[in-house]
Amino acid sequence: MGKVIAITNYKGGVGKTTSTINLAYFLANEHKKKVLLIDFDPQANLSYGFGIEDDIENNIYSVLRNDCKLEEAIIRKFNMDIISSTLDLSVADVEFSGRTMREFILKKLLAPIKDNYDIILIDCPPNLGLLTINAIVASDFCIKRTYKTCRCSKNDKTGNRM
């Protein structure tokens, strides 16, 4: 049975997309796992990283809107299956806000194909909106990508912090 993992953090620039791509590539090519990558971020950096432009008709937004089937949105690259994103996905929070059970949309869409994969990785947007909630609800596990910073301060000669 396939496992779904969401890569999350409410902050941008912490390496979610880079971690998702590297983990997927490692699992698919070094461990020969069947991997599905879902770019669930309207910025679509995961898609761009694989050379997929946002003008593709069948993407995760069209799947969520029921304009196409999930299987029709899959693109095969580097021994992995990828479902791309688009800037249009940025309106999903508003568009789906009136739906009942809206936090289960992705979980329901993944249910029929979950067992076709060893791992499904979801690259989440940098916020705690409806898309991220959907990814977490659909997931068996979450990886919260963090960014370590070093905050150093110095005192000047009078003892005041600079």
N, C-alpha and C. Protein backbone atom coordinates (compact mmCIF):
# COMPACT_ATOMS: atom_id res chain seq x y z
N MET A 1 0.84 -1.19 0.00
CA MET A 1 0.00 0.00 0.00
C MET A 1 0.88 1.24 0.00
N GLY A 2 0.57 2.17 -0.89
CA GLY A 2 1.37 3.38 -1.02
C GLY A 2 1.23 4.31 0.16
N LYS A 3 2.27 5.05 0.40
CA LYS A 3 2.28 6.05 1.46
C LYS A 3 2.29 7.45 0.86
N VAL A 4 1.51 8.33 1.45
CA VAL A 4 1.44 9.71 1.00
C VAL A 4 2.16 10.58 2.02
N ILE A 5 3.07 11.42 1.53
CA ILE A 5 3.86 12.29 2.40
C ILE A 5 3.74 13.73 1.91
N ALA A 6 3.33 14.62 2.79
CA ALA A 6 3.26 16.05 2.48
C ALA A 6 4.52 16.73 3.02
N ILE A 7 5.13 17.55 2.19
CA ILE A 7 6.29 18.33 2.60
C ILE A 7 5.76 19.75 2.85
N THR A 8 5.77 20.17 4.12
CA THR A 8 5.09 21.41 4.49
C THR A 8 5.98 22.37 5.29
N ASN A 9 5.59 23.59 5.27
CA ASN A 9 6.03 24.64 6.17
C ASN A 9 5.27 25.89 5.75
N TYR A 10 4.82 26.66 6.71
CA TYR A 10 4.06 27.87 6.40
C TYR A 10 4.94 28.96 5.81
N LYS A 11 6.24 28.80 5.90
CA LYS A 11 7.18 29.81 5.44
C LYS A 11 7.76 29.40 4.09
N GLY A 12 7.97 30.35 3.23
CA GLY A 12 8.63 30.10 1.96
C GLY A 12 10.14 30.14 2.10
N GLY A 13 10.83 29.55 1.15
CA GLY A 13 12.28 29.63 1.12
C GLY A 13 13.01 28.72 2.08
N VAL A 14 12.33 27.69 2.59
CA VAL A 14 12.99 26.78 3.54
C VAL A 14 13.46 25.49 2.87
N GLY A 15 13.20 25.34 1.58
CA GLY A 15 13.69 24.17 0.86
C GLY A 15 12.67 23.05 0.68
N LYS A 16 11.40 23.36 0.77
CA LYS A 16 10.37 22.32 0.60
C LYS A 16 10.46 21.68 -0.78
N THR A 17 10.47 22.53 -1.80
CA THR A 17 10.48 22.02 -3.17
C THR A 17 11.77 21.28 -3.47
N THR A 18 12.89 21.83 -3.09
CA THR A 18 14.18 21.18 -3.32
C THR A 18 14.22 19.83 -2.61
N SER A 19 13.76 19.78 -1.38
CA SER A 19 13.73 18.52 -0.62
C SER A 19 12.81 17.50 -1.29
N THR A 20 11.67 17.97 -1.77
CA THR A 20 10.71 17.07 -2.42
C THR A 20 11.31 16.47 -3.69
N ILE A 21 11.92 17.31 -4.51
CA ILE A 21 12.53 16.83 -5.76
C ILE A 21 13.65 15.84 -5.46
N ASN A 22 14.53 16.18 -4.53
CA ASN A 22 15.67 15.30 -4.21
C ASN A 22 15.22 13.98 -3.61
N LEU A 23 14.25 14.03 -2.71
CA LEU A 23 13.73 12.80 -2.11
C LEU A 23 13.07 11.92 -3.17
N ALA A 24 12.28 12.52 -4.04
CA ALA A 24 11.61 11.75 -5.09
C ALA A 24 12.62 11.11 -6.04
N TYR A 25 13.59 11.89 -6.46
CA TYR A 25 14.60 11.37 -7.39
C TYR A 25 15.38 10.21 -6.74
N PHE A 26 15.75 10.38 -5.49
CA PHE A 26 16.48 9.34 -4.77
C PHE A 26 15.65 8.06 -4.65
N LEU A 27 14.39 8.20 -4.26
CA LEU A 27 13.53 7.01 -4.10
C LEU A 27 13.27 6.32 -5.43
N ALA A 28 13.04 7.10 -6.48
CA ALA A 28 12.71 6.52 -7.78
C ALA A 28 13.92 5.90 -8.47
N ASN A 29 15.06 6.56 -8.38
CA ASN A 29 16.21 6.13 -9.17
C ASN A 29 17.22 5.30 -8.40
N GLU A 30 17.38 5.53 -7.13
CA GLU A 30 18.33 4.75 -6.34
C GLU A 30 17.66 3.54 -5.67
N HIS A 31 16.41 3.69 -5.28
CA HIS A 31 15.71 2.60 -4.60
C HIS A 31 14.63 1.95 -5.44
N LYS A 32 14.50 2.40 -6.70
CA LYS A 32 13.56 1.82 -7.66
C LYS A 32 12.12 1.79 -7.16
N LYS A 33 11.74 2.82 -6.42
CA LYS A 33 10.36 2.95 -5.94
C LYS A 33 9.52 3.64 -7.00
N LYS A 34 8.24 3.29 -7.02
CA LYS A 34 7.31 3.96 -7.93
C LYS A 34 6.81 5.21 -7.21
N VAL A 35 7.13 6.38 -7.76
CA VAL A 35 6.90 7.65 -7.08
C VAL A 35 5.97 8.54 -7.91
N LEU A 36 5.03 9.17 -7.22
CA LEU A 36 4.21 10.22 -7.81
C LEU A 36 4.50 11.51 -7.06
N LEU A 37 4.82 12.56 -7.82
CA LEU A 37 5.05 13.89 -7.24
C LEU A 37 3.86 14.76 -7.59
N ILE A 38 3.33 15.47 -6.60
CA ILE A 38 2.23 16.40 -6.84
C ILE A 38 2.71 17.80 -6.46
N ASP A 39 2.71 18.68 -7.44
CA ASP A 39 3.06 20.08 -7.19
C ASP A 39 1.77 20.78 -6.76
N PHE A 40 1.62 20.97 -5.46
CA PHE A 40 0.40 21.53 -4.90
C PHE A 40 0.58 22.99 -4.53
N ASP A 41 1.62 23.60 -5.07
CA ASP A 41 1.94 25.00 -4.80
C ASP A 41 1.68 25.83 -6.05
N PRO A 42 0.85 26.87 -5.97
CA PRO A 42 0.57 27.70 -7.15
C PRO A 42 1.81 28.35 -7.76
N GLN A 43 2.90 28.47 -7.01
CA GLN A 43 4.13 29.02 -7.56
C GLN A 43 4.74 28.08 -8.60
N ALA A 44 4.37 26.80 -8.53
CA ALA A 44 4.74 25.77 -9.52
C ALA A 44 6.25 25.58 -9.70
N ASN A 45 7.04 25.82 -8.67
CA ASN A 45 8.49 25.68 -8.80
C ASN A 45 8.91 24.23 -9.02
N LEU A 46 8.19 23.28 -8.44
CA LEU A 46 8.51 21.88 -8.68
C LEU A 46 8.31 21.56 -10.17
N SER A 47 7.20 22.03 -10.72
CA SER A 47 6.92 21.80 -12.14
C SER A 47 8.01 22.43 -13.01
N TYR A 48 8.36 23.68 -12.72
CA TYR A 48 9.40 24.37 -13.48
C TYR A 48 10.74 23.64 -13.35
N GLY A 49 10.99 23.08 -12.18
CA GLY A 49 12.24 22.35 -11.95
C GLY A 49 12.38 21.13 -12.85
N PHE A 50 11.26 20.59 -13.29
CA PHE A 50 11.28 19.46 -14.22
C PHE A 50 11.03 19.90 -15.67
N GLY A 51 11.06 21.22 -15.90
CA GLY A 51 10.88 21.72 -17.25
C GLY A 51 9.44 21.70 -17.74
N ILE A 52 8.51 21.65 -16.81
CA ILE A 52 7.09 21.62 -17.16
C ILE A 52 6.55 23.04 -17.04
N GLU A 53 6.05 23.57 -18.12
CA GLU A 53 5.50 24.93 -18.12
C GLU A 53 4.09 24.92 -17.56
N ASP A 54 3.60 26.07 -17.13
CA ASP A 54 2.28 26.13 -16.49
C ASP A 54 1.12 26.25 -17.48
N ASP A 55 1.41 26.15 -18.77
CA ASP A 55 0.32 26.21 -19.75
C ASP A 55 -0.23 24.83 -20.12
N ILE A 56 0.18 23.81 -19.41
CA ILE A 56 -0.35 22.46 -19.65
C ILE A 56 -1.81 22.43 -19.22
N GLU A 57 -2.65 21.89 -20.08
CA GLU A 57 -4.09 21.90 -19.83
C GLU A 57 -4.47 21.04 -18.62
N ASN A 58 -3.90 19.85 -18.52
CA ASN A 58 -4.24 18.95 -17.42
C ASN A 58 -3.19 19.05 -16.32
N ASN A 59 -3.58 19.67 -15.21
CA ASN A 59 -2.69 19.86 -14.08
C ASN A 59 -3.49 19.63 -12.80
N ILE A 60 -2.89 19.86 -11.66
CA ILE A 60 -3.58 19.57 -10.40
C ILE A 60 -4.82 20.44 -10.22
N TYR A 61 -4.80 21.64 -10.71
CA TYR A 61 -5.97 22.52 -10.60
C TYR A 61 -7.14 21.97 -11.42
N SER A 62 -6.87 21.51 -12.64
CA SER A 62 -7.94 20.94 -13.45
C SER A 62 -8.47 19.64 -12.85
N VAL A 63 -7.61 18.90 -12.16
CA VAL A 63 -8.06 17.68 -11.46
C VAL A 63 -8.99 18.06 -10.31
N LEU A 64 -8.59 19.04 -9.51
CA LEU A 64 -9.42 19.47 -8.37
C LEU A 64 -10.78 19.99 -8.83
N ARG A 65 -10.82 20.60 -9.99
CA ARG A 65 -12.07 21.15 -10.53
C ARG A 65 -12.90 20.10 -11.26
N ASN A 66 -12.38 18.89 -11.34
CA ASN A 66 -13.02 17.78 -12.08
C ASN A 66 -13.10 18.05 -13.58
N ASP A 67 -12.15 18.85 -14.09
CA ASP A 67 -12.08 19.10 -15.53
C ASP A 67 -11.36 17.96 -16.26
N CYS A 68 -10.59 17.18 -15.51
CA CYS A 68 -9.93 15.99 -16.06
C CYS A 68 -9.72 14.99 -14.94
N LYS A 69 -9.42 13.77 -15.32
CA LYS A 69 -9.12 12.73 -14.32
C LYS A 69 -7.67 12.87 -13.89
N LEU A 70 -7.40 12.42 -12.68
CA LEU A 70 -6.06 12.51 -12.14
C LEU A 70 -5.05 11.82 -13.06
N GLU A 71 -5.42 10.67 -13.59
CA GLU A 71 -4.52 9.92 -14.47
C GLU A 71 -4.16 10.70 -15.73
N GLU A 72 -5.06 11.57 -16.19
CA GLU A 72 -4.82 12.36 -17.40
C GLU A 72 -3.83 13.51 -17.16
N ALA A 73 -3.59 13.83 -15.91
CA ALA A 73 -2.69 14.94 -15.57
C ALA A 73 -1.26 14.48 -15.30
N ILE A 74 -1.03 13.18 -15.33
CA ILE A 74 0.29 12.64 -14.99
C ILE A 74 1.26 12.78 -16.16
N ILE A 75 2.45 13.30 -15.82
CA ILE A 75 3.54 13.44 -16.78
C ILE A 75 4.69 12.57 -16.27
N ARG A 76 5.29 11.79 -17.16
CA ARG A 76 6.38 10.89 -16.77
C ARG A 76 7.72 11.54 -17.08
N LYS A 77 8.56 11.69 -16.05
CA LYS A 77 9.90 12.25 -16.22
C LYS A 77 10.84 11.62 -15.20
N PHE A 78 12.04 11.29 -15.62
CA PHE A 78 13.10 10.79 -14.73
C PHE A 78 12.63 9.62 -13.86
N ASN A 79 11.90 8.70 -14.45
CA ASN A 79 11.40 7.51 -13.74
C ASN A 79 10.39 7.84 -12.66
N MET A 80 9.76 9.02 -12.74
CA MET A 80 8.74 9.44 -11.77
C MET A 80 7.52 9.93 -12.51
N ASP A 81 6.38 9.86 -11.85
CA ASP A 81 5.17 10.47 -12.36
C ASP A 81 4.99 11.81 -11.64
N ILE A 82 4.61 12.83 -12.40
CA ILE A 82 4.48 14.18 -11.85
C ILE A 82 3.14 14.76 -12.26
N ILE A 83 2.46 15.39 -11.32
CA ILE A 83 1.28 16.18 -11.63
C ILE A 83 1.66 17.63 -11.38
N SER A 84 1.63 18.41 -12.45
CA SER A 84 2.13 19.78 -12.38
C SER A 84 1.11 20.73 -11.77
N SER A 85 1.59 21.92 -11.49
CA SER A 85 0.76 22.98 -10.92
C SER A 85 0.66 24.14 -11.90
N THR A 86 -0.10 25.13 -11.50
CA THR A 86 -0.28 26.33 -12.29
C THR A 86 -0.64 27.48 -11.36
N LEU A 87 -0.38 28.68 -11.79
CA LEU A 87 -0.74 29.85 -11.00
C LEU A 87 -2.25 29.91 -10.74
N ASP A 88 -3.03 29.32 -11.63
CA ASP A 88 -4.49 29.28 -11.45
C ASP A 88 -4.90 28.62 -10.13
N LEU A 89 -4.03 27.75 -9.61
CA LEU A 89 -4.32 27.06 -8.35
C LEU A 89 -4.44 28.04 -7.19
N SER A 90 -3.91 29.24 -7.33
CA SER A 90 -3.95 30.23 -6.25
C SER A 90 -5.37 30.65 -5.88
N VAL A 91 -6.34 30.43 -6.75
CA VAL A 91 -7.73 30.79 -6.43
C VAL A 91 -8.49 29.64 -5.77
N ALA A 92 -7.85 28.51 -5.57
CA ALA A 92 -8.52 27.33 -5.03
C ALA A 92 -9.12 27.58 -3.65
N ASP A 93 -8.40 28.30 -2.77
CA ASP A 93 -8.93 28.57 -1.43
C ASP A 93 -10.29 29.25 -1.50
N VAL A 94 -10.42 30.21 -2.38
CA VAL A 94 -11.69 30.93 -2.52
C VAL A 94 -12.71 30.07 -3.26
N GLU A 95 -12.27 29.46 -4.36
CA GLU A 95 -13.19 28.68 -5.19
C GLU A 95 -13.82 27.51 -4.45
N PHE A 96 -13.05 26.83 -3.61
CA PHE A 96 -13.55 25.64 -2.94
C PHE A 96 -14.03 25.91 -1.52
N SER A 97 -14.01 27.15 -1.08
CA SER A 97 -14.37 27.47 0.30
C SER A 97 -15.82 27.12 0.63
N GLY A 98 -16.69 27.12 -0.35
CA GLY A 98 -18.10 26.80 -0.10
C GLY A 98 -18.43 25.33 -0.19
N ARG A 99 -17.49 24.51 -0.61
CA ARG A 99 -17.74 23.07 -0.73
C ARG A 99 -17.81 22.42 0.65
N THR A 100 -18.71 21.48 0.79
CA THR A 100 -18.72 20.69 2.02
C THR A 100 -17.60 19.66 1.91
N MET A 101 -17.03 19.32 3.03
CA MET A 101 -15.93 18.35 3.10
C MET A 101 -14.74 18.77 2.22
N ARG A 102 -14.53 20.09 2.10
CA ARG A 102 -13.50 20.62 1.21
C ARG A 102 -12.09 20.19 1.60
N GLU A 103 -11.88 19.87 2.86
CA GLU A 103 -10.53 19.46 3.28
C GLU A 103 -10.20 18.02 2.86
N PHE A 104 -11.18 17.30 2.31
CA PHE A 104 -10.97 15.91 1.88
C PHE A 104 -10.90 15.77 0.36
N ILE A 105 -10.89 16.87 -0.38
CA ILE A 105 -10.90 16.81 -1.85
C ILE A 105 -9.72 15.98 -2.38
N LEU A 106 -8.50 16.30 -1.95
CA LEU A 106 -7.32 15.60 -2.46
C LEU A 106 -7.31 14.15 -1.99
N LYS A 107 -7.69 13.90 -0.78
CA LYS A 107 -7.71 12.52 -0.26
C LYS A 107 -8.61 11.63 -1.11
N LYS A 108 -9.78 12.15 -1.47
CA LYS A 108 -10.71 11.38 -2.31
C LYS A 108 -10.14 11.16 -3.71
N LEU A 109 -9.47 12.16 -4.24
CA LEU A 109 -8.88 12.01 -5.58
C LEU A 109 -7.73 11.00 -5.60
N LEU A 110 -6.97 10.93 -4.52
CA LEU A 110 -5.83 10.02 -4.47
C LEU A 110 -6.21 8.58 -4.14
N ALA A 111 -7.34 8.38 -3.49
CA ALA A 111 -7.74 7.04 -3.03
C ALA A 111 -7.67 5.97 -4.13
N PRO A 112 -8.21 6.21 -5.33
CA PRO A 112 -8.19 5.15 -6.34
C PRO A 112 -6.80 4.80 -6.88
N ILE A 113 -5.85 5.71 -6.79
CA ILE A 113 -4.52 5.45 -7.38
C ILE A 113 -3.43 5.26 -6.33
N LYS A 114 -3.77 5.41 -5.07
CA LYS A 114 -2.76 5.36 -3.99
C LYS A 114 -1.96 4.06 -4.03
N ASP A 115 -2.61 2.96 -4.29
CA ASP A 115 -1.91 1.68 -4.28
C ASP A 115 -1.08 1.42 -5.53
N ASN A 116 -1.16 2.30 -6.52
CA ASN A 116 -0.34 2.16 -7.73
C ASN A 116 1.09 2.66 -7.50
N TYR A 117 1.32 3.30 -6.36
CA TYR A 117 2.62 3.91 -6.06
C TYR A 117 3.15 3.43 -4.71
N ASP A 118 4.48 3.41 -4.61
CA ASP A 118 5.10 3.15 -3.31
C ASP A 118 5.02 4.41 -2.46
N ILE A 119 5.27 5.56 -3.09
CA ILE A 119 5.32 6.84 -2.38
C ILE A 119 4.65 7.92 -3.24
N ILE A 120 3.81 8.73 -2.61
CA ILE A 120 3.27 9.92 -3.24
C ILE A 120 3.75 11.10 -2.41
N LEU A 121 4.49 12.01 -3.04
CA LEU A 121 5.02 13.19 -2.35
C LEU A 121 4.26 14.43 -2.80
N ILE A 122 3.82 15.23 -1.84
CA ILE A 122 3.07 16.45 -2.14
C ILE A 122 3.89 17.65 -1.71
N ASP A 123 4.25 18.49 -2.67
CA ASP A 123 4.96 19.74 -2.39
C ASP A 123 3.92 20.81 -2.08
N CYS A 124 3.88 21.27 -0.84
CA CYS A 124 2.83 22.18 -0.37
C CYS A 124 3.22 23.65 -0.54
N PRO A 125 2.20 24.51 -0.61
CA PRO A 125 2.48 25.95 -0.67
C PRO A 125 2.95 26.48 0.69
N PRO A 126 3.58 27.65 0.70
CA PRO A 126 4.08 28.22 1.95
C PRO A 126 3.00 28.99 2.72
N ASN A 127 1.98 28.27 3.14
CA ASN A 127 0.92 28.88 3.95
C ASN A 127 0.13 27.77 4.63
N LEU A 128 -0.85 28.15 5.41
CA LEU A 128 -1.68 27.16 6.11
C LEU A 128 -3.11 27.20 5.58
N GLY A 129 -3.26 27.44 4.28
CA GLY A 129 -4.57 27.54 3.66
C GLY A 129 -5.16 26.18 3.32
N LEU A 130 -6.21 26.22 2.53
CA LEU A 130 -6.97 25.03 2.17
C LEU A 130 -6.13 23.99 1.42
N LEU A 131 -5.21 24.44 0.58
CA LEU A 131 -4.37 23.48 -0.14
C LEU A 131 -3.49 22.68 0.82
N THR A 132 -2.85 23.37 1.74
CA THR A 132 -2.00 22.68 2.71
C THR A 132 -2.83 21.76 3.61
N ILE A 133 -3.99 22.22 4.02
CA ILE A 133 -4.87 21.37 4.84
C ILE A 133 -5.25 20.11 4.06
N ASN A 134 -5.60 20.26 2.78
CA ASN A 134 -5.92 19.11 1.94
C ASN A 134 -4.75 18.13 1.87
N ALA A 135 -3.55 18.67 1.69
CA ALA A 135 -2.37 17.81 1.60
C ALA A 135 -2.14 17.05 2.90
N ILE A 136 -2.30 17.72 4.03
CA ILE A 136 -2.10 17.07 5.33
C ILE A 136 -3.15 16.00 5.57
N VAL A 137 -4.41 16.31 5.25
CA VAL A 137 -5.49 15.33 5.44
C VAL A 137 -5.26 14.10 4.55
N ALA A 138 -4.76 14.31 3.33
CA ALA A 138 -4.54 13.21 2.39
C ALA A 138 -3.31 12.37 2.75
N SER A 139 -2.47 12.88 3.63
CA SER A 139 -1.17 12.25 3.90
C SER A 139 -1.20 11.25 5.05
N ASP A 140 -0.30 10.29 4.91
CA ASP A 140 -0.02 9.36 6.01
C ASP A 140 1.04 9.96 6.93
N PHE A 141 1.92 10.75 6.33
CA PHE A 141 3.01 11.39 7.07
C PHE A 141 3.21 12.80 6.55
N CYS A 142 3.76 13.65 7.41
CA CYS A 142 4.13 15.01 7.01
C CYS A 142 5.59 15.24 7.38
N ILE A 143 6.28 15.88 6.48
CA ILE A 143 7.64 16.33 6.78
C ILE A 143 7.56 17.84 6.84
N LYS A 144 7.89 18.40 7.98
CA LYS A 144 7.92 19.85 8.11
C LYS A 144 9.36 20.29 7.89
N ARG A 145 9.58 20.86 6.74
CA ARG A 145 10.91 21.32 6.37
C ARG A 145 11.19 22.60 7.14
N THR A 146 12.30 22.63 7.86
CA THR A 146 12.66 23.82 8.63
C THR A 146 13.95 24.41 8.10
N TYR A 147 14.18 25.61 8.48
CA TYR A 147 15.35 26.34 8.03
C TYR A 147 16.06 26.84 9.27
N LYS A 148 17.29 26.42 9.45
CA LYS A 148 18.05 26.83 10.63
C LYS A 148 18.81 28.11 10.32
N THR A 149 18.61 29.07 11.19
CA THR A 149 19.35 30.32 11.06
C THR A 149 20.16 30.55 12.32
N CYS A 150 21.21 31.26 12.17
CA CYS A 150 22.02 31.63 13.31
C CYS A 150 21.79 33.12 13.56
N ARG A 151 21.26 33.42 14.71
CA ARG A 151 21.03 34.83 15.05
C ARG A 151 22.03 35.23 16.11
N CYS A 152 22.95 36.00 15.69
CA CYS A 152 23.99 36.46 16.60
C CYS A 152 23.80 37.96 16.84
N SER A 153 24.11 38.37 18.00
CA SER A 153 24.06 39.80 18.27
C SER A 153 25.34 40.20 19.00
N LYS A 154 25.70 41.42 18.81
CA LYS A 154 26.89 41.95 19.45
C LYS A 154 26.49 43.16 20.27
N ASN A 155 27.24 43.44 21.27
CA ASN A 155 27.05 44.66 22.04
C ASN A 155 28.13 45.66 21.65
N ASP A 156 27.73 46.93 21.60
CA ASP A 156 28.74 47.94 21.34
C ASP A 156 29.46 48.26 22.64
N LYS A 157 30.36 49.23 22.64
CA LYS A 157 31.18 49.52 23.81
C LYS A 157 30.36 50.00 25.01
N THR A 158 29.16 50.50 24.76
CA THR A 158 28.32 50.99 25.88
C THR A 158 27.39 49.90 26.42
N GLY A 159 27.44 48.71 25.81
CA GLY A 159 26.59 47.62 26.26
C GLY A 159 25.26 47.53 25.53
N ASN A 160 25.03 48.43 24.60
CA ASN A 160 23.79 48.37 23.82
C ASN A 160 23.92 47.37 22.68
N ARG A 161 22.84 46.66 22.44
CA ARG A 161 22.83 45.68 21.36
C ARG A 161 22.84 46.35 20.01
N MET A 162 23.64 45.80 19.10
CA MET A 162 23.70 46.33 17.74
C MET A 162 22.89 45.44 16.82
